[in-house]
């Protein structure tokens, strides 16, 4: 008698919560960071990974993703709707999105952590700068993307951000993304690495410029490696 086929194993999402921080006030830099995040989300979804994009930018990311929405996570947190009513599926069935007010990020941290258990990736994106709410999110996320301006001493905003968040989580090690003019990307990445190493300890890994064609694949690979390594350390 032939062996009976084994039942299919239930799908277990990787459950990675990704904080996205833009340490640059220049609107064009923030726009590059939002575009890079959207490209990462779409790349992951194209690989069959499940993605949830949480837009804390007053709907700018939802508009870029072509998603129309009527309810937000604020409505869910306040008990005005069911969770499913605040999450919207894009043209790719693996890619969903929702909106949350930027000032509600700390309130939603537990909700986001819970949501991440149902997805491979949850990208939580806020406005430019580092508010207390975003610092809380960054310190509590599994991994973060940190963008900075390559102009003049713009990279120092990333240094100050790393310093501020490491006061909350000394192990915080974001992946840095350069924004602004591409011609200064390499030199500012080296400058940021050196100043962080000299004053804050371990330098944050650099994954490239926001407009690089290979950024989505490269960043996702490094984010998988970093989160998997961190979980192995926790379970060891």
C-alpha atoms as a PDB file:
ATOM      1  CA  UNK A   1       0.000   0.000   0.000  1.00  0.00           C
ATOM      2  CA  UNK A   2       1.553   3.322  -1.038  1.00  0.00           C
ATOM      3  CA  UNK A   3       2.408   5.770   1.670  1.00  0.00           C
ATOM      4  CA  UNK A   4      -0.315   8.320   2.286  1.00  0.00           C
ATOM      5  CA  UNK A   5       0.714  11.880   1.407  1.00  0.00           C
ATOM      6  CA  UNK A   6       1.727  13.982   4.359  1.00  0.00           C
ATOM      7  CA  UNK A   7      -0.674  16.810   5.185  1.00  0.00           C
ATOM      8  CA  UNK A   8       0.569  20.216   4.129  1.00  0.00           C
ATOM      9  CA  UNK A   9       2.212  22.142   6.931  1.00  0.00           C
ATOM     10  CA  UNK A  10       0.444  25.408   7.846  1.00  0.00           C
ATOM     11  CA  UNK A  11       2.218  28.509   6.617  1.00  0.00           C
ATOM     12  CA  UNK A  12       4.178  30.248   9.374  1.00  0.00           C
ATOM     13  CA  UNK A  13       4.970  33.890   8.584  1.00  0.00           C
ATOM     14  CA  UNK A  14       8.410  35.198   9.510  1.00  0.00           C
ATOM     15  CA  UNK A  15       6.811  37.967  11.591  1.00  0.00           C
ATOM     16  CA  UNK A  16       9.287  40.828  11.106  1.00  0.00           C
ATOM     17  CA  UNK A  17       8.278  44.325  12.300  1.00  0.00           C
ATOM     18  CA  UNK A  18      10.278  46.944  10.391  1.00  0.00           C
ATOM     19  CA  UNK A  19      10.458  50.542  11.583  1.00  0.00           C
ATOM     20  CA  UNK A  20      11.185  53.113   8.872  1.00  0.00           C
ATOM     21  CA  UNK A  21      12.824  56.344  10.081  1.00  0.00           C
ATOM     22  CA  UNK A  22      13.838  59.315   7.931  1.00  0.00           C
ATOM     23  CA  UNK A  23      16.459  61.501   9.645  1.00  0.00           C
ATOM     24  CA  UNK A  24      16.149  64.234   7.013  1.00  0.00           C
ATOM     25  CA  UNK A  25      13.812  67.216   6.974  1.00  0.00           C
ATOM     26  CA  UNK A  26      14.165  67.905   3.231  1.00  0.00           C
ATOM     27  CA  UNK A  27      10.827  66.886   1.635  1.00  0.00           C
ATOM     28  CA  UNK A  28      12.551  65.382  -1.414  1.00  0.00           C
ATOM     29  CA  UNK A  29      14.569  63.094   0.876  1.00  0.00           C
ATOM     30  CA  UNK A  30      11.446  61.923   2.676  1.00  0.00           C
ATOM     31  CA  UNK A  31       9.809  61.270  -0.701  1.00  0.00           C
ATOM     32  CA  UNK A  32      12.812  59.097  -1.675  1.00  0.00           C
ATOM     33  CA  UNK A  33      12.503  57.165   1.604  1.00  0.00           C
ATOM     34  CA  UNK A  34       8.809  56.522   1.031  1.00  0.00           C
ATOM     35  CA  UNK A  35       9.481  55.373  -2.535  1.00  0.00           C
ATOM     36  CA  UNK A  36      12.265  53.043  -1.379  1.00  0.00           C
ATOM     37  CA  UNK A  37      10.006  51.524   1.297  1.00  0.00           C
ATOM     38  CA  UNK A  38       7.241  50.949  -1.222  1.00  0.00           C
ATOM     39  CA  UNK A  39       9.726  49.262  -3.578  1.00  0.00           C
ATOM     40  CA  UNK A  40      10.905  46.980  -0.758  1.00  0.00           C
ATOM     41  CA  UNK A  41       7.327  46.036   0.085  1.00  0.00           C
ATOM     42  CA  UNK A  42       6.477  45.304  -3.544  1.00  0.00           C
ATOM     43  CA  UNK A  43       9.678  43.275  -4.025  1.00  0.00           C
ATOM     44  CA  UNK A  44       8.921  41.112  -0.995  1.00  0.00           C
ATOM     45  CA  UNK A  45       5.333  40.580  -2.155  1.00  0.00           C
ATOM     46  CA  UNK A  46       6.550  39.629  -5.643  1.00  0.00           C
ATOM     47  CA  UNK A  47       8.604  36.859  -4.016  1.00  0.00           C
ATOM     48  CA  UNK A  48       5.473  35.435  -2.401  1.00  0.00           C
ATOM     49  CA  UNK A  49       6.183  36.876   1.043  1.00  0.00           C
ATOM     50  CA  UNK A  50       3.262  38.482   2.855  1.00  0.00           C
ATOM     51  CA  UNK A  51       3.583  42.210   3.493  1.00  0.00           C
ATOM     52  CA  UNK A  52       1.658  44.793   5.497  1.00  0.00           C
ATOM     53  CA  UNK A  53       2.523  48.458   4.975  1.00  0.00           C
ATOM     54  CA  UNK A  54       1.421  50.773   7.809  1.00  0.00           C
ATOM     55  CA  UNK A  55       1.281  54.361   6.585  1.00  0.00           C
ATOM     56  CA  UNK A  56       1.872  56.970   9.296  1.00  0.00           C
ATOM     57  CA  UNK A  57       2.401  59.748   6.737  1.00  0.00           C
ATOM     58  CA  UNK A  58      -1.189  61.006   6.397  1.00  0.00           C
ATOM     59  CA  UNK A  59      -1.911  58.694   3.485  1.00  0.00           C
ATOM     60  CA  UNK A  60       1.053  59.594   1.244  1.00  0.00           C
ATOM     61  CA  UNK A  61       2.169  55.966   0.976  1.00  0.00           C
ATOM     62  CA  UNK A  62      -1.359  54.700   0.401  1.00  0.00           C
ATOM     63  CA  UNK A  63      -1.715  57.155  -2.466  1.00  0.00           C
ATOM     64  CA  UNK A  64       1.621  56.041  -3.945  1.00  0.00           C
ATOM     65  CA  UNK A  65       0.520  52.400  -3.638  1.00  0.00           C
ATOM     66  CA  UNK A  66      -2.792  53.200  -5.351  1.00  0.00           C
ATOM     67  CA  UNK A  67      -4.905  52.157  -2.362  1.00  0.00           C
ATOM     68  CA  UNK A  68      -8.161  53.918  -1.469  1.00  0.00           C
ATOM     69  CA  UNK A  69      -9.113  53.678   2.192  1.00  0.00           C
ATOM     70  CA  UNK A  70     -11.999  54.662   4.418  1.00  0.00           C
ATOM     71  CA  UNK A  71     -10.972  53.302   7.821  1.00  0.00           C
ATOM     72  CA  UNK A  72      -7.676  53.511   9.704  1.00  0.00           C
ATOM     73  CA  UNK A  73      -5.964  51.675  12.528  1.00  0.00           C
ATOM     74  CA  UNK A  74      -6.897  54.654  14.691  1.00  0.00           C
ATOM     75  CA  UNK A  75     -10.537  53.648  14.168  1.00  0.00           C
ATOM     76  CA  UNK A  76      -9.704  50.074  15.182  1.00  0.00           C
ATOM     77  CA  UNK A  77      -7.755  51.119  18.288  1.00  0.00           C
ATOM     78  CA  UNK A  78     -10.632  53.393  19.323  1.00  0.00           C
ATOM     79  CA  UNK A  79     -13.100  50.530  18.861  1.00  0.00           C
ATOM     80  CA  UNK A  80     -14.933  52.069  15.897  1.00  0.00           C
ATOM     81  CA  UNK A  81     -14.338  49.228  13.446  1.00  0.00           C
ATOM     82  CA  UNK A  82     -13.011  45.687  13.091  1.00  0.00           C
ATOM     83  CA  UNK A  83      -9.342  45.191  12.251  1.00  0.00           C
ATOM     84  CA  UNK A  84     -10.177  43.714   8.838  1.00  0.00           C
ATOM     85  CA  UNK A  85     -11.981  46.965   7.949  1.00  0.00           C
ATOM     86  CA  UNK A  86      -8.793  48.991   8.442  1.00  0.00           C
ATOM     87  CA  UNK A  87      -6.523  46.821   6.258  1.00  0.00           C
ATOM     88  CA  UNK A  88      -6.729  46.991   2.477  1.00  0.00           C
ATOM     89  CA  UNK A  89      -5.363  44.516  -0.055  1.00  0.00           C
ATOM     90  CA  UNK A  90      -3.445  45.988  -2.996  1.00  0.00           C
ATOM     91  CA  UNK A  91      -3.337  44.620  -6.533  1.00  0.00           C
ATOM     92  CA  UNK A  92      -0.962  41.921  -5.196  1.00  0.00           C
ATOM     93  CA  UNK A  93      -2.804  39.585  -2.845  1.00  0.00           C
ATOM     94  CA  UNK A  94       0.339  39.242  -0.705  1.00  0.00           C
ATOM     95  CA  UNK A  95       0.532  42.998  -0.101  1.00  0.00           C
ATOM     96  CA  UNK A  96      -1.867  44.793   2.267  1.00  0.00           C
ATOM     97  CA  UNK A  97      -1.766  48.335   3.642  1.00  0.00           C
ATOM     98  CA  UNK A  98      -3.333  50.476   6.305  1.00  0.00           C
ATOM     99  CA  UNK A  99      -3.120  53.992   7.764  1.00  0.00           C
ATOM    100  CA  UNK A 100      -2.300  55.098  11.293  1.00  0.00           C
ATOM    101  CA  UNK A 101      -1.876  58.584  12.728  1.00  0.00           C
ATOM    102  CA  UNK A 102       1.793  59.408  13.341  1.00  0.00           C
ATOM    103  CA  UNK A 103       1.013  60.469  16.918  1.00  0.00           C
ATOM    104  CA  UNK A 104      -0.581  57.077  17.615  1.00  0.00           C
ATOM    105  CA  UNK A 105       2.545  55.012  16.907  1.00  0.00           C
ATOM    106  CA  UNK A 106       3.274  54.249  20.598  1.00  0.00           C
ATOM    107  CA  UNK A 107      -0.381  53.307  21.186  1.00  0.00           C
ATOM    108  CA  UNK A 108      -0.235  50.920  18.253  1.00  0.00           C
ATOM    109  CA  UNK A 109       3.114  49.280  19.015  1.00  0.00           C
ATOM    110  CA  UNK A 110       1.444  46.274  20.634  1.00  0.00           C
ATOM    111  CA  UNK A 111      -1.055  46.070  17.778  1.00  0.00           C
ATOM    112  CA  UNK A 112       1.763  46.209  15.218  1.00  0.00           C
ATOM    113  CA  UNK A 113       3.736  43.531  17.041  1.00  0.00           C
ATOM    114  CA  UNK A 114       0.643  41.338  17.048  1.00  0.00           C
ATOM    115  CA  UNK A 115      -0.009  42.020  13.370  1.00  0.00           C
ATOM    116  CA  UNK A 116       3.562  41.113  12.482  1.00  0.00           C
ATOM    117  CA  UNK A 117       2.880  37.528  13.598  1.00  0.00           C
ATOM    118  CA  UNK A 118       0.498  37.198  10.651  1.00  0.00           C
ATOM    119  CA  UNK A 119       2.883  38.570   7.987  1.00  0.00           C
ATOM    120  CA  UNK A 120       6.434  38.043   6.836  1.00  0.00           C
ATOM    121  CA  UNK A 121       6.994  41.802   6.841  1.00  0.00           C
ATOM    122  CA  UNK A 122       5.213  44.703   8.534  1.00  0.00           C
ATOM    123  CA  UNK A 123       6.685  48.060   7.472  1.00  0.00           C
ATOM    124  CA  UNK A 124       5.699  50.907   9.831  1.00  0.00           C
ATOM    125  CA  UNK A 125       6.467  54.298   8.295  1.00  0.00           C
ATOM    126  CA  UNK A 126       6.235  57.711   9.963  1.00  0.00           C
ATOM    127  CA  UNK A 127       6.908  61.325   8.983  1.00  0.00           C
ATOM    128  CA  UNK A 128      10.378  62.810   8.664  1.00  0.00           C
ATOM    129  CA  UNK A 129      12.337  63.432  11.848  1.00  0.00           C
ATOM    130  CA  UNK A 130      12.471  61.547  15.131  1.00  0.00           C
ATOM    131  CA  UNK A 131       9.517  62.195  17.396  1.00  0.00           C
ATOM    132  CA  UNK A 132       9.230  60.388  20.759  1.00  0.00           C
ATOM    133  CA  UNK A 133       6.626  58.155  19.091  1.00  0.00           C
ATOM    134  CA  UNK A 134       9.002  57.145  16.307  1.00  0.00           C
ATOM    135  CA  UNK A 135      11.854  56.595  18.767  1.00  0.00           C
ATOM    136  CA  UNK A 136       9.627  54.194  20.695  1.00  0.00           C
ATOM    137  CA  UNK A 137       8.720  52.355  17.495  1.00  0.00           C
ATOM    138  CA  UNK A 138      12.355  52.202  16.352  1.00  0.00           C
ATOM    139  CA  UNK A 139      13.535  50.812  19.687  1.00  0.00           C
ATOM    140  CA  UNK A 140      10.812  48.143  19.707  1.00  0.00           C
ATOM    141  CA  UNK A 141      10.943  46.999  16.070  1.00  0.00           C
ATOM    142  CA  UNK A 142      12.762  43.846  14.932  1.00  0.00           C
ATOM    143  CA  UNK A 143      14.808  45.846  12.423  1.00  0.00           C
ATOM    144  CA  UNK A 144      14.834  49.437  11.173  1.00  0.00           C
ATOM    145  CA  UNK A 145      15.663  51.336   8.032  1.00  0.00           C
ATOM    146  CA  UNK A 146      17.254  54.721   8.734  1.00  0.00           C
ATOM    147  CA  UNK A 147      17.479  57.246   5.909  1.00  0.00           C
ATOM    148  CA  UNK A 148      19.670  60.356   5.952  1.00  0.00           C
ATOM    149  CA  UNK A 149      20.522  63.276   3.666  1.00  0.00           C
ATOM    150  CA  UNK A 150      23.878  63.149   1.859  1.00  0.00           C
ATOM    151  CA  UNK A 151      24.136  66.944   1.597  1.00  0.00           C
ATOM    152  CA  UNK A 152      26.719  68.824   3.705  1.00  0.00           C
ATOM    153  CA  UNK A 153      26.574  67.292   7.203  1.00  0.00           C
ATOM    154  CA  UNK A 154      23.151  65.684   6.757  1.00  0.00           C
ATOM    155  CA  UNK A 155      24.551  62.318   7.806  1.00  0.00           C
ATOM    156  CA  UNK A 156      24.926  63.713  11.333  1.00  0.00           C
ATOM    157  CA  UNK A 157      21.151  63.560  11.760  1.00  0.00           C
ATOM    158  CA  UNK A 158      21.475  59.790  11.418  1.00  0.00           C
ATOM    159  CA  UNK A 159      24.229  59.836  14.059  1.00  0.00           C
ATOM    160  CA  UNK A 160      22.008  61.773  16.489  1.00  0.00           C
ATOM    161  CA  UNK A 161      19.125  59.403  15.757  1.00  0.00           C
ATOM    162  CA  UNK A 162      21.249  56.344  16.485  1.00  0.00           C
ATOM    163  CA  UNK A 163      22.465  57.963  19.703  1.00  0.00           C
ATOM    164  CA  UNK A 164      18.892  58.798  20.793  1.00  0.00           C
ATOM    165  CA  UNK A 165      17.434  55.360  20.081  1.00  0.00           C
ATOM    166  CA  UNK A 166      20.378  53.450  21.575  1.00  0.00           C
ATOM    167  CA  UNK A 167      19.608  55.209  24.851  1.00  0.00           C
ATOM    168  CA  UNK A 168      16.359  53.190  24.776  1.00  0.00           C
ATOM    169  CA  UNK A 169      17.763  50.050  23.171  1.00  0.00           C
ATOM    170  CA  UNK A 170      21.547  49.718  23.299  1.00  0.00           C
ATOM    171  CA  UNK A 171      21.444  46.891  20.752  1.00  0.00           C
ATOM    172  CA  UNK A 172      19.670  49.044  18.134  1.00  0.00           C
ATOM    173  CA  UNK A 173      21.413  48.488  14.826  1.00  0.00           C
ATOM    174  CA  UNK A 174      19.471  49.982  11.890  1.00  0.00           C
ATOM    175  CA  UNK A 175      20.266  49.538   8.218  1.00  0.00           C
ATOM    176  CA  UNK A 176      21.147  52.960   6.817  1.00  0.00           C
ATOM    177  CA  UNK A 177      19.934  54.302   3.474  1.00  0.00           C
ATOM    178  CA  UNK A 178      21.356  57.447   1.881  1.00  0.00           C
ATOM    179  CA  UNK A 179      18.980  60.045   0.437  1.00  0.00           C
ATOM    180  CA  UNK A 180      19.463  63.124  -1.699  1.00  0.00           C
ATOM    181  CA  UNK A 181      22.254  63.483  -4.306  1.00  0.00           C
ATOM    182  CA  UNK A 182      23.654  60.087  -5.274  1.00  0.00           C
ATOM    183  CA  UNK A 183      27.161  61.388  -6.029  1.00  0.00           C
ATOM    184  CA  UNK A 184      27.832  61.903  -2.317  1.00  0.00           C
ATOM    185  CA  UNK A 185      26.353  58.588  -1.164  1.00  0.00           C
ATOM    186  CA  UNK A 186      29.587  56.611  -0.810  1.00  0.00           C
ATOM    187  CA  UNK A 187      31.588  59.255   1.022  1.00  0.00           C
ATOM    188  CA  UNK A 188      28.805  60.106   3.490  1.00  0.00           C
ATOM    189  CA  UNK A 189      28.248  56.403   4.195  1.00  0.00           C
ATOM    190  CA  UNK A 190      31.917  56.111   5.183  1.00  0.00           C
ATOM    191  CA  UNK A 191      31.750  59.288   7.282  1.00  0.00           C
ATOM    192  CA  UNK A 192      28.672  58.062   9.140  1.00  0.00           C
ATOM    193  CA  UNK A 193      30.264  54.662   9.726  1.00  0.00           C
ATOM    194  CA  UNK A 194      33.410  56.226  11.161  1.00  0.00           C
ATOM    195  CA  UNK A 195      31.701  58.730  13.458  1.00  0.00           C
ATOM    196  CA  UNK A 196      29.310  56.104  14.845  1.00  0.00           C
ATOM    197  CA  UNK A 197      32.171  53.646  15.388  1.00  0.00           C
ATOM    198  CA  UNK A 198      34.290  56.283  17.147  1.00  0.00           C
ATOM    199  CA  UNK A 199      31.576  57.561  19.501  1.00  0.00           C
ATOM    200  CA  UNK A 200      28.691  55.066  19.741  1.00  0.00           C
ATOM    201  CA  UNK A 201      30.247  51.649  19.228  1.00  0.00           C
ATOM    202  CA  UNK A 202      29.136  49.322  16.449  1.00  0.00           C
ATOM    203  CA  UNK A 203      28.497  51.216  13.181  1.00  0.00           C
ATOM    204  CA  UNK A 204      25.151  50.726  11.481  1.00  0.00           C
ATOM    205  CA  UNK A 205      25.315  48.679   8.243  1.00  0.00           C
ATOM    206  CA  UNK A 206      24.835  50.628   4.995  1.00  0.00           C
ATOM    207  CA  UNK A 207      22.585  49.138   2.302  1.00  0.00           C
ATOM    208  CA  UNK A 208      22.815  51.757  -0.438  1.00  0.00           C
ATOM    209  CA  UNK A 209      21.132  54.811  -1.901  1.00  0.00           C
ATOM    210  CA  UNK A 210      17.344  54.931  -1.970  1.00  0.00           C
ATOM    211  CA  UNK A 211      17.339  55.211  -5.756  1.00  0.00           C
ATOM    212  CA  UNK A 212      19.672  52.248  -6.410  1.00  0.00           C
ATOM    213  CA  UNK A 213      18.032  49.640  -8.626  1.00  0.00           C
ATOM    214  CA  UNK A 214      19.340  46.791  -6.510  1.00  0.00           C
ATOM    215  CA  UNK A 215      18.303  48.289  -3.169  1.00  0.00           C
ATOM    216  CA  UNK A 216      15.121  46.231  -2.580  1.00  0.00           C
ATOM    217  CA  UNK A 217      16.763  42.832  -3.022  1.00  0.00           C
ATOM    218  CA  UNK A 218      19.926  43.820  -1.142  1.00  0.00           C
ATOM    219  CA  UNK A 219      18.079  45.414   1.774  1.00  0.00           C
ATOM    220  CA  UNK A 220      15.641  42.522   2.143  1.00  0.00           C
ATOM    221  CA  UNK A 221      18.494  40.005   2.214  1.00  0.00           C
ATOM    222  CA  UNK A 222      20.299  41.949   4.937  1.00  0.00           C
ATOM    223  CA  UNK A 223      17.091  42.437   6.917  1.00  0.00           C
ATOM    224  CA  UNK A 224      16.359  38.695   6.815  1.00  0.00           C
ATOM    225  CA  UNK A 225      19.900  37.897   7.959  1.00  0.00           C
ATOM    226  CA  UNK A 226      19.853  40.461  10.775  1.00  0.00           C
ATOM    227  CA  UNK A 227      16.479  39.434  12.193  1.00  0.00           C
ATOM    228  CA  UNK A 228      17.212  35.690  11.904  1.00  0.00           C
ATOM    229  CA  UNK A 229      20.565  36.152  13.668  1.00  0.00           C
ATOM    230  CA  UNK A 230      18.944  38.199  16.455  1.00  0.00           C
ATOM    231  CA  UNK A 231      16.333  35.501  17.039  1.00  0.00           C
ATOM    232  CA  UNK A 232      18.974  32.798  17.212  1.00  0.00           C
ATOM    233  CA  UNK A 233      20.780  34.791  19.894  1.00  0.00           C
ATOM    234  CA  UNK A 234      17.557  35.192  21.890  1.00  0.00           C
ATOM    235  CA  UNK A 235      16.772  31.473  21.742  1.00  0.00           C
ATOM    236  CA  UNK A 236      20.333  30.290  22.396  1.00  0.00           C
END
